[in-house]
Amino acid sequence: FFLTVAEAAGAQPPAGRNLPGRSFLPLAANKALPKKQPWRNLVFAQHRNTWMARDFRYKAVVRDGGRGPNELYDLRTDGREMKNEFDNPQFVVTRDRLRGELAAWQKRYNAGAAE
């Protein structure tokens, strides 16, 4: 959001800052996104000791460095997030993929550690 507001205002983001995300202004102006920078459908968040990674279908929540309680939801079949699939063996690949994406995000933006 910050980068969108900065671009809309014609302001440069603070120099030397490794800010996550990118400007949504081209989308708001109905312009094509640069082909060299495809839009990823992956969202990350952090609040205190809790980290979240969400893609178009799944949402993973990791707490206390992975000690839990942790959560994983299939948003397509469980949009209200009622059935936690974190420990379900059928979701191990999905869970580990999202945790890996989250760890890479944390490393890139120095956002703490969920592992």
PDB file of N, CA and C in Angstrom:
ATOM      1  N   PHE A   1       0.826  -1.191   0.000  1.00  0.00           N
ATOM      2  CA  PHE A   1       0.000   0.000   0.000  1.00  0.00           C
ATOM      3  C   PHE A   1       0.867   1.251   0.000  1.00  0.00           C
ATOM      4  N   PHE A   2       1.926   1.231   0.797  1.00  0.00           N
ATOM      5  CA  PHE A   2       2.800   2.395   0.901  1.00  0.00           C
ATOM      6  C   PHE A   2       3.388   2.788  -0.454  1.00  0.00           C
ATOM      7  N   LEU A   3       3.854   1.794  -1.212  1.00  0.00           N
ATOM      8  CA  LEU A   3       4.462   2.089  -2.503  1.00  0.00           C
ATOM      9  C   LEU A   3       3.446   2.633  -3.499  1.00  0.00           C
ATOM     10  N   THR A   4       2.202   2.211  -3.407  1.00  0.00           N
ATOM     11  CA  THR A   4       1.140   2.734  -4.271  1.00  0.00           C
ATOM     12  C   THR A   4       0.881   4.207  -3.964  1.00  0.00           C
ATOM     13  N   VAL A   5       0.759   4.541  -2.699  1.00  0.00           N
ATOM     14  CA  VAL A   5       0.509   5.928  -2.297  1.00  0.00           C
ATOM     15  C   VAL A   5       1.691   6.810  -2.703  1.00  0.00           C
ATOM     16  N   ALA A   6       2.899   6.319  -2.489  1.00  0.00           N
ATOM     17  CA  ALA A   6       4.082   7.104  -2.851  1.00  0.00           C
ATOM     18  C   ALA A   6       4.102   7.381  -4.356  1.00  0.00           C
ATOM     19  N   GLU A   7       3.828   6.371  -5.167  1.00  0.00           N
ATOM     20  CA  GLU A   7       3.834   6.571  -6.614  1.00  0.00           C
ATOM     21  C   GLU A   7       2.721   7.520  -7.047  1.00  0.00           C
ATOM     22  N   ALA A   8       1.531   7.369  -6.464  1.00  0.00           N
ATOM     23  CA  ALA A   8       0.405   8.245  -6.809  1.00  0.00           C
ATOM     24  C   ALA A   8       0.704   9.703  -6.449  1.00  0.00           C
ATOM     25  N   ALA A   9       1.442   9.904  -5.384  1.00  0.00           N
ATOM     26  CA  ALA A   9       1.782  11.259  -4.949  1.00  0.00           C
ATOM     27  C   ALA A   9       3.011  11.805  -5.663  1.00  0.00           C
ATOM     28  N   GLY A  10       3.661  10.950  -6.456  1.00  0.00           N
ATOM     29  CA  GLY A  10       4.872  11.375  -7.144  1.00  0.00           C
ATOM     30  C   GLY A  10       6.079  11.444  -6.229  1.00  0.00           C
ATOM     31  N   ALA A  11       5.999  10.765  -5.099  1.00  0.00           N
ATOM     32  CA  ALA A  11       7.098  10.779  -4.124  1.00  0.00           C
ATOM     33  C   ALA A  11       7.956   9.528  -4.284  1.00  0.00           C
ATOM     34  N   GLN A  12       9.224   9.676  -3.981  1.00  0.00           N
ATOM     35  CA  GLN A  12      10.137   8.541  -4.005  1.00  0.00           C
ATOM     36  C   GLN A  12      10.114   7.856  -2.632  1.00  0.00           C
ATOM     37  N   PRO A  13      10.099   6.522  -2.612  1.00  0.00           N
ATOM     38  CA  PRO A  13      10.195   5.828  -1.317  1.00  0.00           C
ATOM     39  C   PRO A  13      11.530   6.157  -0.653  1.00  0.00           C
ATOM     40  N   PRO A  14      11.629   6.012   0.650  1.00  0.00           N
ATOM     41  CA  PRO A  14      12.883   6.312   1.348  1.00  0.00           C
ATOM     42  C   PRO A  14      14.048   5.508   0.757  1.00  0.00           C
ATOM     43  N   ALA A  15      15.140   6.177   0.495  1.00  0.00           N
ATOM     44  CA  ALA A  15      16.320   5.523  -0.069  1.00  0.00           C
ATOM     45  C   ALA A  15      16.921   4.549   0.937  1.00  0.00           C
ATOM     46  N   GLY A  16      17.443   3.471   0.424  1.00  0.00           N
ATOM     47  CA  GLY A  16      18.133   2.504   1.274  1.00  0.00           C
ATOM     48  C   GLY A  16      17.219   1.599   2.080  1.00  0.00           C
ATOM     49  N   ARG A  17      15.928   1.661   1.825  1.00  0.00           N
ATOM     50  CA  ARG A  17      14.982   0.809   2.559  1.00  0.00           C
ATOM     51  C   ARG A  17      14.590  -0.376   1.697  1.00  0.00           C
ATOM     52  N   ASN A  18      14.548  -1.536   2.264  1.00  0.00           N
ATOM     53  CA  ASN A  18      14.148  -2.751   1.566  1.00  0.00           C
ATOM     54  C   ASN A  18      12.663  -2.969   1.866  1.00  0.00           C
ATOM     55  N   LEU A  19      11.796  -2.285   1.134  1.00  0.00           N
ATOM     56  CA  LEU A  19      10.360  -2.323   1.403  1.00  0.00           C
ATOM     57  C   LEU A  19       9.689  -3.459   0.638  1.00  0.00           C
ATOM     58  N   PRO A  20       8.848  -4.236   1.293  1.00  0.00           N
ATOM     59  CA  PRO A  20       8.152  -5.318   0.604  1.00  0.00           C
ATOM     60  C   PRO A  20       7.013  -4.779  -0.258  1.00  0.00           C
ATOM     61  N   GLY A  21       6.645  -5.565  -1.242  1.00  0.00           N
ATOM     62  CA  GLY A  21       5.494  -5.236  -2.070  1.00  0.00           C
ATOM     63  C   GLY A  21       5.862  -4.394  -3.267  1.00  0.00           C
ATOM     64  N   ARG A  22       4.829  -3.935  -3.963  1.00  0.00           N
ATOM     65  CA  ARG A  22       5.008  -3.074  -5.121  1.00  0.00           C
ATOM     66  C   ARG A  22       3.769  -2.222  -5.304  1.00  0.00           C
ATOM     67  N   SER A  23       3.860  -1.237  -6.150  1.00  0.00           N
ATOM     68  CA  SER A  23       2.752  -0.317  -6.355  1.00  0.00           C
ATOM     69  C   SER A  23       1.600  -0.978  -7.117  1.00  0.00           C
ATOM     70  N   PHE A  24       0.387  -0.715  -6.662  1.00  0.00           N
ATOM     71  CA  PHE A  24      -0.824  -1.168  -7.337  1.00  0.00           C
ATOM     72  C   PHE A  24      -1.331  -0.125  -8.331  1.00  0.00           C
ATOM     73  N   LEU A  25      -0.642   0.995  -8.448  1.00  0.00           N
ATOM     74  CA  LEU A  25      -1.129   2.092  -9.275  1.00  0.00           C
ATOM     75  C   LEU A  25      -1.396   1.691 -10.730  1.00  0.00           C
ATOM     76  N   PRO A  26      -0.530   0.907 -11.382  1.00  0.00           N
ATOM     77  CA  PRO A  26      -0.865   0.501 -12.754  1.00  0.00           C
ATOM     78  C   PRO A  26      -2.206  -0.245 -12.839  1.00  0.00           C
ATOM     79  N   LEU A  27      -2.489  -1.092 -11.878  1.00  0.00           N
ATOM     80  CA  LEU A  27      -3.770  -1.814 -11.878  1.00  0.00           C
ATOM     81  C   LEU A  27      -4.934  -0.855 -11.682  1.00  0.00           C
ATOM     82  N   ALA A  28      -4.771   0.104 -10.778  1.00  0.00           N
ATOM     83  CA  ALA A  28      -5.833   1.082 -10.510  1.00  0.00           C
ATOM     84  C   ALA A  28      -6.083   1.964 -11.731  1.00  0.00           C
ATOM     85  N   ALA A  29      -5.036   2.201 -12.534  1.00  0.00           N
ATOM     86  CA  ALA A  29      -5.157   3.037 -13.729  1.00  0.00           C
ATOM     87  C   ALA A  29      -5.498   2.203 -14.964  1.00  0.00           C
ATOM     88  N   ASN A  30      -5.803   0.912 -14.743  1.00  0.00           N
ATOM     89  CA  ASN A  30      -6.170  -0.013 -15.824  1.00  0.00           C
ATOM     90  C   ASN A  30      -5.058  -0.128 -16.872  1.00  0.00           C
ATOM     91  N   LYS A  31      -3.809  -0.160 -16.406  1.00  0.00           N
ATOM     92  CA  LYS A  31      -2.653  -0.310 -17.286  1.00  0.00           C
ATOM     93  C   LYS A  31      -2.086  -1.719 -17.132  1.00  0.00           C
ATOM     94  N   ALA A  32      -1.431  -2.158 -18.176  1.00  0.00           N
ATOM     95  CA  ALA A  32      -0.814  -3.485 -18.147  1.00  0.00           C
ATOM     96  C   ALA A  32       0.391  -3.482 -17.208  1.00  0.00           C
ATOM     97  N   LEU A  33       0.588  -4.599 -16.535  1.00  0.00           N
ATOM     98  CA  LEU A  33       1.761  -4.743 -15.677  1.00  0.00           C
ATOM     99  C   LEU A  33       2.968  -5.074 -16.539  1.00  0.00           C
ATOM    100  N   PRO A  34       4.159  -4.661 -16.130  1.00  0.00           N
ATOM    101  CA  PRO A  34       5.364  -4.997 -16.902  1.00  0.00           C
ATOM    102  C   PRO A  34       5.526  -6.509 -17.010  1.00  0.00           C
ATOM    103  N   LYS A  35       5.808  -7.006 -18.212  1.00  0.00           N
ATOM    104  CA  LYS A  35       5.952  -8.448 -18.429  1.00  0.00           C
ATOM    105  C   LYS A  35       7.131  -9.032 -17.663  1.00  0.00           C
ATOM    106  N   LYS A  36       8.141  -8.216 -17.390  1.00  0.00           N
ATOM    107  CA  LYS A  36       9.312  -8.691 -16.654  1.00  0.00           C
ATOM    108  C   LYS A  36       9.039  -8.812 -15.161  1.00  0.00           C
ATOM    109  N   GLN A  37       7.908  -8.290 -14.706  1.00  0.00           N
ATOM    110  CA  GLN A  37       7.546  -8.359 -13.293  1.00  0.00           C
ATOM    111  C   GLN A  37       6.132  -8.924 -13.157  1.00  0.00           C
ATOM    112  N   PRO A  38       5.963 -10.226 -13.368  1.00  0.00           N
ATOM    113  CA  PRO A  38       4.605 -10.780 -13.260  1.00  0.00           C
ATOM    114  C   PRO A  38       4.063 -10.616 -11.844  1.00  0.00           C
ATOM    115  N   TRP A  39       2.769 -10.470 -11.763  1.00  0.00           N
ATOM    116  CA  TRP A  39       2.110 -10.297 -10.470  1.00  0.00           C
ATOM    117  C   TRP A  39       1.988 -11.655  -9.799  1.00  0.00           C
ATOM    118  N   ARG A  40       2.500 -11.754  -8.594  1.00  0.00           N
ATOM    119  CA  ARG A  40       2.414 -13.011  -7.851  1.00  0.00           C
ATOM    120  C   ARG A  40       1.177 -12.998  -6.973  1.00  0.00           C
ATOM    121  N   ASN A  41       0.523 -14.103  -6.919  1.00  0.00           N
ATOM    122  CA  ASN A  41      -0.657 -14.228  -6.076  1.00  0.00           C
ATOM    123  C   ASN A  41      -0.230 -14.851  -4.749  1.00  0.00           C
ATOM    124  N   LEU A  42       0.584 -14.112  -4.016  1.00  0.00           N
ATOM    125  CA  LEU A  42       1.115 -14.588  -2.752  1.00  0.00           C
ATOM    126  C   LEU A  42       1.184 -13.397  -1.807  1.00  0.00           C
ATOM    127  N   VAL A  43       0.630 -13.555  -0.608  1.00  0.00           N
ATOM    128  CA  VAL A  43       0.555 -12.473   0.367  1.00  0.00           C
ATOM    129  C   VAL A  43       1.199 -12.935   1.666  1.00  0.00           C
ATOM    130  N   PHE A  44       1.927 -12.033   2.313  1.00  0.00           N
ATOM    131  CA  PHE A  44       2.573 -12.331   3.587  1.00  0.00           C
ATOM    132  C   PHE A  44       2.174 -11.287   4.614  1.00  0.00           C
ATOM    133  N   ALA A  45       2.193 -11.689   5.874  1.00  0.00           N
ATOM    134  CA  ALA A  45       1.917 -10.753   6.956  1.00  0.00           C
ATOM    135  C   ALA A  45       2.619 -11.237   8.225  1.00  0.00           C
ATOM    136  N   GLN A  46       2.853 -10.294   9.113  1.00  0.00           N
ATOM    137  CA  GLN A  46       3.445 -10.605  10.412  1.00  0.00           C
ATOM    138  C   GLN A  46       2.806  -9.717  11.458  1.00  0.00           C
ATOM    139  N   HIS A  47       2.521 -10.298  12.603  1.00  0.00           N
ATOM    140  CA  HIS A  47       2.072  -9.540  13.768  1.00  0.00           C
ATOM    141  C   HIS A  47       2.646 -10.222  14.997  1.00  0.00           C
ATOM    142  N   ARG A  48       3.542  -9.519  15.665  1.00  0.00           N
ATOM    143  CA  ARG A  48       4.239 -10.040  16.843  1.00  0.00           C
ATOM    144  C   ARG A  48       4.890 -11.374  16.532  1.00  0.00           C
ATOM    145  N   ASN A  49       4.449 -12.462  17.155  1.00  0.00           N
ATOM    146  CA  ASN A  49       5.078 -13.768  16.965  1.00  0.00           C
ATOM    147  C   ASN A  49       4.307 -14.645  15.971  1.00  0.00           C
ATOM    148  N   THR A  50       3.495 -14.042  15.130  1.00  0.00           N
ATOM    149  CA  THR A  50       2.658 -14.789  14.186  1.00  0.00           C
ATOM    150  C   THR A  50       2.945 -14.327  12.765  1.00  0.00           C
ATOM    151  N   TRP A  51       3.146 -15.299  11.869  1.00  0.00           N
ATOM    152  CA  TRP A  51       3.406 -15.016  10.463  1.00  0.00           C
ATOM    153  C   TRP A  51       2.372 -15.737   9.624  1.00  0.00           C
ATOM    154  N   MET A  52       2.053 -15.152   8.463  1.00  0.00           N
ATOM    155  CA  MET A  52       1.044 -15.728   7.590  1.00  0.00           C
ATOM    156  C   MET A  52       1.525 -15.662   6.148  1.00  0.00           C
ATOM    157  N   ALA A  53       1.236 -16.728   5.407  1.00  0.00           N
ATOM    158  CA  ALA A  53       1.456 -16.759   3.959  1.00  0.00           C
ATOM    159  C   ALA A  53       0.171 -17.276   3.332  1.00  0.00           C
ATOM    160  N   ARG A  54      -0.265 -16.591   2.268  1.00  0.00           N
ATOM    161  CA  ARG A  54      -1.512 -17.006   1.616  1.00  0.00           C
ATOM    162  C   ARG A  54      -1.331 -16.901   0.104  1.00  0.00           C
ATOM    163  N   ASP A  55      -1.784 -17.936  -0.599  1.00  0.00           N
ATOM    164  CA  ASP A  55      -1.809 -17.865  -2.052  1.00  0.00           C
ATOM    165  C   ASP A  55      -3.267 -17.895  -2.503  1.00  0.00           C
ATOM    166  N   PHE A  56      -3.499 -18.168  -3.764  1.00  0.00           N
ATOM    167  CA  PHE A  56      -4.869 -18.117  -4.280  1.00  0.00           C
ATOM    168  C   PHE A  56      -5.789 -19.143  -3.643  1.00  0.00           C
ATOM    169  N   ARG A  57      -5.224 -20.194  -3.043  1.00  0.00           N
ATOM    170  CA  ARG A  57      -6.068 -21.256  -2.497  1.00  0.00           C
ATOM    171  C   ARG A  57      -5.850 -21.547  -1.014  1.00  0.00           C
ATOM    172  N   TYR A  58      -4.617 -21.435  -0.544  1.00  0.00           N
ATOM    173  CA  TYR A  58      -4.295 -21.873   0.815  1.00  0.00           C
ATOM    174  C   TYR A  58      -3.786 -20.729   1.674  1.00  0.00           C
ATOM    175  N   LYS A  59      -3.982 -20.876   2.973  1.00  0.00           N
ATOM    176  CA  LYS A  59      -3.481 -19.908   3.944  1.00  0.00           C
ATOM    177  C   LYS A  59      -2.796 -20.676   5.069  1.00  0.00           C
ATOM    178  N   ALA A  60      -1.541 -20.311   5.346  1.00  0.00           N
ATOM    179  CA  ALA A  60      -0.786 -20.918   6.442  1.00  0.00           C
ATOM    180  C   ALA A  60      -0.486 -19.853   7.483  1.00  0.00           C
ATOM    181  N   VAL A  61      -0.669 -20.222   8.749  1.00  0.00           N
ATOM    182  CA  VAL A  61      -0.363 -19.341   9.873  1.00  0.00           C
ATOM    183  C   VAL A  61       0.629 -20.086  10.756  1.00  0.00           C
ATOM    184  N   VAL A  62       1.769 -19.427  11.025  1.00  0.00           N
ATOM    185  CA  VAL A  62       2.836 -20.047  11.808  1.00  0.00           C
ATOM    186  C   VAL A  62       3.104 -19.166  13.024  1.00  0.00           C
ATOM    187  N   ARG A  63       3.099 -19.797  14.204  1.00  0.00           N
ATOM    188  CA  ARG A  63       3.287 -19.050  15.456  1.00  0.00           C
ATOM    189  C   ARG A  63       4.511 -19.544  16.224  1.00  0.00           C
ATOM    190  N   ASP A  64       5.076 -18.637  16.993  1.00  0.00           N
ATOM    191  CA  ASP A  64       6.172 -18.959  17.912  1.00  0.00           C
ATOM    192  C   ASP A  64       7.278 -19.776  17.251  1.00  0.00           C
ATOM    193  N   GLY A  65       7.780 -19.274  16.116  1.00  0.00           N
ATOM    194  CA  GLY A  65       8.893 -19.952  15.453  1.00  0.00           C
ATOM    195  C   GLY A  65       8.543 -21.343  14.974  1.00  0.00           C
ATOM    196  N   GLY A  66       7.295 -21.616  14.721  1.00  0.00           N
ATOM    197  CA  GLY A  66       6.859 -22.923  14.233  1.00  0.00           C
ATOM    198  C   GLY A  66       6.377 -23.858  15.332  1.00  0.00           C
ATOM    199  N   ARG A  67       6.502 -23.429  16.584  1.00  0.00           N
ATOM    200  CA  ARG A  67       6.069 -24.284  17.694  1.00  0.00           C
ATOM    201  C   ARG A  67       4.555 -24.329  17.831  1.00  0.00           C
ATOM    202  N   GLY A  68       3.882 -23.346  17.251  1.00  0.00           N
ATOM    203  CA  GLY A  68       2.424 -23.375  17.203  1.00  0.00           C
ATOM    204  C   GLY A  68       1.735 -22.646  18.330  1.00  0.00           C
ATOM    205  N   PRO A  69       0.430 -22.698  18.295  1.00  0.00           N
ATOM    206  CA  PRO A  69      -0.391 -23.501  17.381  1.00  0.00           C
ATOM    207  C   PRO A  69      -0.359 -22.932  15.965  1.00  0.00           C
ATOM    208  N   ASN A  70      -0.169 -23.811  14.987  1.00  0.00           N
ATOM    209  CA  ASN A  70      -0.086 -23.424  13.592  1.00  0.00           C
ATOM    210  C   ASN A  70      -1.369 -23.814  12.876  1.00  0.00           C
ATOM    211  N   GLU A  71      -1.593 -23.183  11.722  1.00  0.00           N
ATOM    212  CA  GLU A  71      -2.837 -23.422  11.002  1.00  0.00           C
ATOM    213  C   GLU A  71      -2.574 -23.496   9.500  1.00  0.00           C
ATOM    214  N   LEU A  72      -3.412 -24.259   8.814  1.00  0.00           N
ATOM    215  CA  LEU A  72      -3.413 -24.313   7.354  1.00  0.00           C
ATOM    216  C   LEU A  72      -4.850 -24.534   6.901  1.00  0.00           C
ATOM    217  N   TYR A  73      -5.307 -23.693   5.982  1.00  0.00           N
ATOM    218  CA  TYR A  73      -6.679 -23.795   5.498  1.00  0.00           C
ATOM    219  C   TYR A  73      -6.707 -23.856   3.977  1.00  0.00           C
ATOM    220  N   ASP A  74      -7.605 -24.662   3.457  1.00  0.00           N
ATOM    221  CA  ASP A  74      -7.901 -24.692   2.028  1.00  0.00           C
ATOM    222  C   ASP A  74      -9.043 -23.707   1.828  1.00  0.00           C
ATOM    223  N   LEU A  75      -8.726 -22.523   1.344  1.00  0.00           N
ATOM    224  CA  LEU A  75      -9.720 -21.456   1.242  1.00  0.00           C
ATOM    225  C   LEU A  75     -10.788 -21.733   0.188  1.00  0.00           C
ATOM    226  N   ARG A  76     -10.506 -22.609  -0.748  1.00  0.00           N
ATOM    227  CA  ARG A  76     -11.498 -22.945  -1.764  1.00  0.00           C
ATOM    228  C   ARG A  76     -12.625 -23.794  -1.174  1.00  0.00           C
ATOM    229  N   THR A  77     -12.273 -24.740  -0.311  1.00  0.00           N
ATOM    230  CA  THR A  77     -13.291 -25.621   0.267  1.00  0.00           C
ATOM    231  C   THR A  77     -13.703 -25.212   1.676  1.00  0.00           C
ATOM    232  N   ASP A  78     -12.920 -24.328   2.288  1.00  0.00           N
ATOM    233  CA  ASP A  78     -13.170 -23.932   3.676  1.00  0.00           C
ATOM    234  C   ASP A  78     -12.911 -22.432   3.843  1.00  0.00           C
ATOM    235  N   GLY A  79     -13.702 -21.638   3.158  1.00  0.00           N
ATOM    236  CA  GLY A  79     -13.520 -20.190   3.169  1.00  0.00           C
ATOM    237  C   GLY A  79     -13.666 -19.547   4.534  1.00  0.00           C
ATOM    238  N   ARG A  80     -14.354 -20.211   5.429  1.00  0.00           N
ATOM    239  CA  ARG A  80     -14.521 -19.663   6.792  1.00  0.00           C
ATOM    240  C   ARG A  80     -13.417 -20.108   7.742  1.00  0.00           C
ATOM    241  N   GLU A  81     -12.469 -20.871   7.225  1.00  0.00           N
ATOM    242  CA  GLU A  81     -11.315 -21.331   8.003  1.00  0.00           C
ATOM    243  C   GLU A  81     -11.737 -22.066   9.274  1.00  0.00           C
ATOM    244  N   MET A  82     -12.547 -23.075   9.087  1.00  0.00           N
ATOM    245  CA  MET A  82     -13.050 -23.846  10.221  1.00  0.00           C
ATOM    246  C   MET A  82     -12.273 -25.147  10.438  1.00  0.00           C
ATOM    247  N   LYS A  83     -11.651 -25.694   9.379  1.00  0.00           N
ATOM    248  CA  LYS A  83     -10.964 -26.981   9.483  1.00  0.00           C
ATOM    249  C   LYS A  83      -9.468 -26.781   9.282  1.00  0.00           C
ATOM    250  N   ASN A  84      -8.728 -26.875  10.359  1.00  0.00           N
ATOM    251  CA  ASN A  84      -7.282 -26.700  10.325  1.00  0.00           C
ATOM    252  C   ASN A  84      -6.634 -27.968   9.758  1.00  0.00           C
ATOM    253  N   GLU A  85      -5.943 -27.826   8.623  1.00  0.00           N
ATOM    254  CA  GLU A  85      -5.314 -28.960   7.941  1.00  0.00           C
ATOM    255  C   GLU A  85      -3.806 -29.014   8.173  1.00  0.00           C
ATOM    256  N   PHE A  86      -3.286 -28.255   9.115  1.00  0.00           N
ATOM    257  CA  PHE A  86      -1.840 -28.150   9.299  1.00  0.00           C
ATOM    258  C   PHE A  86      -1.179 -29.505   9.540  1.00  0.00           C
ATOM    259  N   ASP A  87      -1.790 -30.349  10.332  1.00  0.00           N
ATOM    260  CA  ASP A  87      -1.198 -31.651  10.644  1.00  0.00           C
ATOM    261  C   ASP A  87      -1.748 -32.779   9.777  1.00  0.00           C
ATOM    262  N   ASN A  88      -2.570 -32.457   8.797  1.00  0.00           N
ATOM    263  CA  ASN A  88      -3.140 -33.454   7.898  1.00  0.00           C
ATOM    264  C   ASN A  88      -2.072 -33.890   6.899  1.00  0.00           C
ATOM    265  N   PRO A  89      -1.735 -35.204   6.854  1.00  0.00           N
ATOM    266  CA  PRO A  89      -0.699 -35.685   5.936  1.00  0.00           C
ATOM    267  C   PRO A  89      -0.987 -35.371   4.463  1.00  0.00           C
ATOM    268  N   GLN A  90      -2.235 -35.205   4.101  1.00  0.00           N
ATOM    269  CA  GLN A  90      -2.587 -34.901   2.709  1.00  0.00           C
ATOM    270  C   GLN A  90      -2.159 -33.481   2.305  1.00  0.00           C
ATOM    271  N   PHE A  91      -1.838 -32.646   3.271  1.00  0.00           N
ATOM    272  CA  PHE A  91      -1.493 -31.246   2.996  1.00  0.00           C
ATOM    273  C   PHE A  91      -0.031 -30.922   3.290  1.00  0.00           C
ATOM    274  N   VAL A  92       0.800 -31.934   3.502  1.00  0.00           N
ATOM    275  CA  VAL A  92       2.205 -31.706   3.865  1.00  0.00           C
ATOM    276  C   VAL A  92       2.937 -30.912   2.784  1.00  0.00           C
ATOM    277  N   VAL A  93       2.756 -31.257   1.524  1.00  0.00           N
ATOM    278  CA  VAL A  93       3.449 -30.566   0.443  1.00  0.00           C
ATOM    279  C   VAL A  93       3.032 -29.091   0.401  1.00  0.00           C
ATOM    280  N   THR A  94       1.744 -28.838   0.513  1.00  0.00           N
ATOM    281  CA  THR A  94       1.237 -27.463   0.506  1.00  0.00           C
ATOM    282  C   THR A  94       1.747 -26.693   1.713  1.00  0.00           C
ATOM    283  N   ARG A  95       1.657 -27.301   2.880  1.00  0.00           N
ATOM    284  CA  ARG A  95       2.130 -26.664   4.109  1.00  0.00           C
ATOM    285  C   ARG A  95       3.610 -26.311   4.005  1.00  0.00           C
ATOM    286  N   ASP A  96       4.425 -27.258   3.557  1.00  0.00           N
ATOM    287  CA  ASP A  96       5.863 -27.023   3.470  1.00  0.00           C
ATOM    288  C   ASP A  96       6.205 -25.985   2.398  1.00  0.00           C
ATOM    289  N   ARG A  97       5.451 -25.965   1.302  1.00  0.00           N
ATOM    290  CA  ARG A  97       5.676 -24.968   0.254  1.00  0.00           C
ATOM    291  C   ARG A  97       5.414 -23.559   0.796  1.00  0.00           C
ATOM    292  N   LEU A  98       4.289 -23.384   1.484  1.00  0.00           N
ATOM    293  CA  LEU A  98       3.970 -22.063   2.031  1.00  0.00           C
ATOM    294  C   LEU A  98       4.948 -21.659   3.129  1.00  0.00           C
ATOM    295  N   ARG A  99       5.372 -22.601   3.935  1.00  0.00           N
ATOM    296  CA  ARG A  99       6.365 -22.286   4.970  1.00  0.00           C
ATOM    297  C   ARG A  99       7.697 -21.890   4.330  1.00  0.00           C
ATOM    298  N   GLY A 100       8.054 -22.550   3.235  1.00  0.00           N
ATOM    299  CA  GLY A 100       9.275 -22.188   2.517  1.00  0.00           C
ATOM    300  C   GLY A 100       9.187 -20.794   1.917  1.00  0.00           C
ATOM    301  N   GLU A 101       8.040 -20.478   1.319  1.00  0.00           N
ATOM    302  CA  GLU A 101       7.826 -19.128   0.771  1.00  0.00           C
ATOM    303  C   GLU A 101       7.897 -18.085   1.881  1.00  0.00           C
ATOM    304  N   LEU A 102       7.308 -18.411   3.020  1.00  0.00           N
ATOM    305  CA  LEU A 102       7.321 -17.499   4.163  1.00  0.00           C
ATOM    306  C   LEU A 102       8.746 -17.283   4.668  1.00  0.00           C
ATOM    307  N   ALA A 103       9.517 -18.349   4.765  1.00  0.00           N
ATOM    308  CA  ALA A 103      10.907 -18.234   5.224  1.00  0.00           C
ATOM    309  C   ALA A 103      11.727 -17.368   4.257  1.00  0.00           C
ATOM    310  N   ALA A 104      11.496 -17.518   2.951  1.00  0.00           N
ATOM    311  CA  ALA A 104      12.217 -16.712   1.963  1.00  0.00           C
ATOM    312  C   ALA A 104      11.835 -15.243   2.094  1.00  0.00           C
ATOM    313  N   TRP A 105      10.554 -14.976   2.330  1.00  0.00           N
ATOM    314  CA  TRP A 105      10.092 -13.597   2.527  1.00  0.00           C
ATOM    315  C   TRP A 105      10.732 -12.988   3.775  1.00  0.00           C
ATOM    316  N   GLN A 106      10.760 -13.766   4.848  1.00  0.00           N
ATOM    317  CA  GLN A 106      11.352 -13.277   6.091  1.00  0.00           C
ATOM    318  C   GLN A 106      12.824 -12.948   5.904  1.00  0.00           C
ATOM    319  N   LYS A 107      13.525 -13.812   5.186  1.00  0.00           N
ATOM    320  CA  LYS A 107      14.950 -13.586   4.956  1.00  0.00           C
ATOM    321  C   LYS A 107      15.156 -12.339   4.091  1.00  0.00           C
ATOM    322  N   ARG A 108      14.351 -12.193   3.053  1.00  0.00           N
ATOM    323  CA  ARG A 108      14.497 -11.062   2.132  1.00  0.00           C
ATOM    324  C   ARG A 108      14.219  -9.728   2.827  1.00  0.00           C
ATOM    325  N   TYR A 109      13.222  -9.699   3.693  1.00  0.00           N
ATOM    326  CA  TYR A 109      12.825  -8.443   4.328  1.00  0.00           C
ATOM    327  C   TYR A 109      13.154  -8.392   5.804  1.00  0.00           C
ATOM    328  N   ASN A 110      13.978  -9.334   6.267  1.00  0.00           N
ATOM    329  CA  ASN A 110      14.415  -9.349   7.658  1.00  0.00           C
ATOM    330  C   ASN A 110      13.214  -9.227   8.603  1.00  0.00           C
ATOM    331  N   ALA A 111      12.214 -10.070   8.357  1.00  0.00           N
ATOM    332  CA  ALA A 111      10.956  -9.975   9.086  1.00  0.00           C
ATOM    333  C   ALA A 111      10.856 -10.967  10.231  1.00  0.00           C
ATOM    334  N   GLY A 112      11.947 -11.398  10.784  1.00  0.00           N
ATOM    335  CA  GLY A 112      11.879 -12.365  11.866  1.00  0.00           C
ATOM    336  C   GLY A 112      11.959 -13.766  11.311  1.00  0.00           C
ATOM    337  N   ALA A 113      11.640 -14.738  12.149  1.00  0.00           N
ATOM    338  CA  ALA A 113      11.742 -16.128  11.703  1.00  0.00           C
ATOM    339  C   ALA A 113      10.557 -16.922  12.192  1.00  0.00           C
ATOM    340  N   ALA A 114       9.945 -17.667  11.283  1.00  0.00           N
ATOM    341  CA  ALA A 114       8.819 -18.515  11.641  1.00  0.00           C
ATOM    342  C   ALA A 114       9.254 -19.960  11.782  1.00  0.00           C
ATOM    343  N   GLU A 115      10.472 -20.270  11.478  1.00  0.00           N
ATOM    344  CA  GLU A 115      10.931 -21.664  11.573  1.00  0.00           C
ATOM    345  C   GLU A 115      11.674 -21.888  12.858  1.00  0.00           C
TER     346      GLU A 115
END
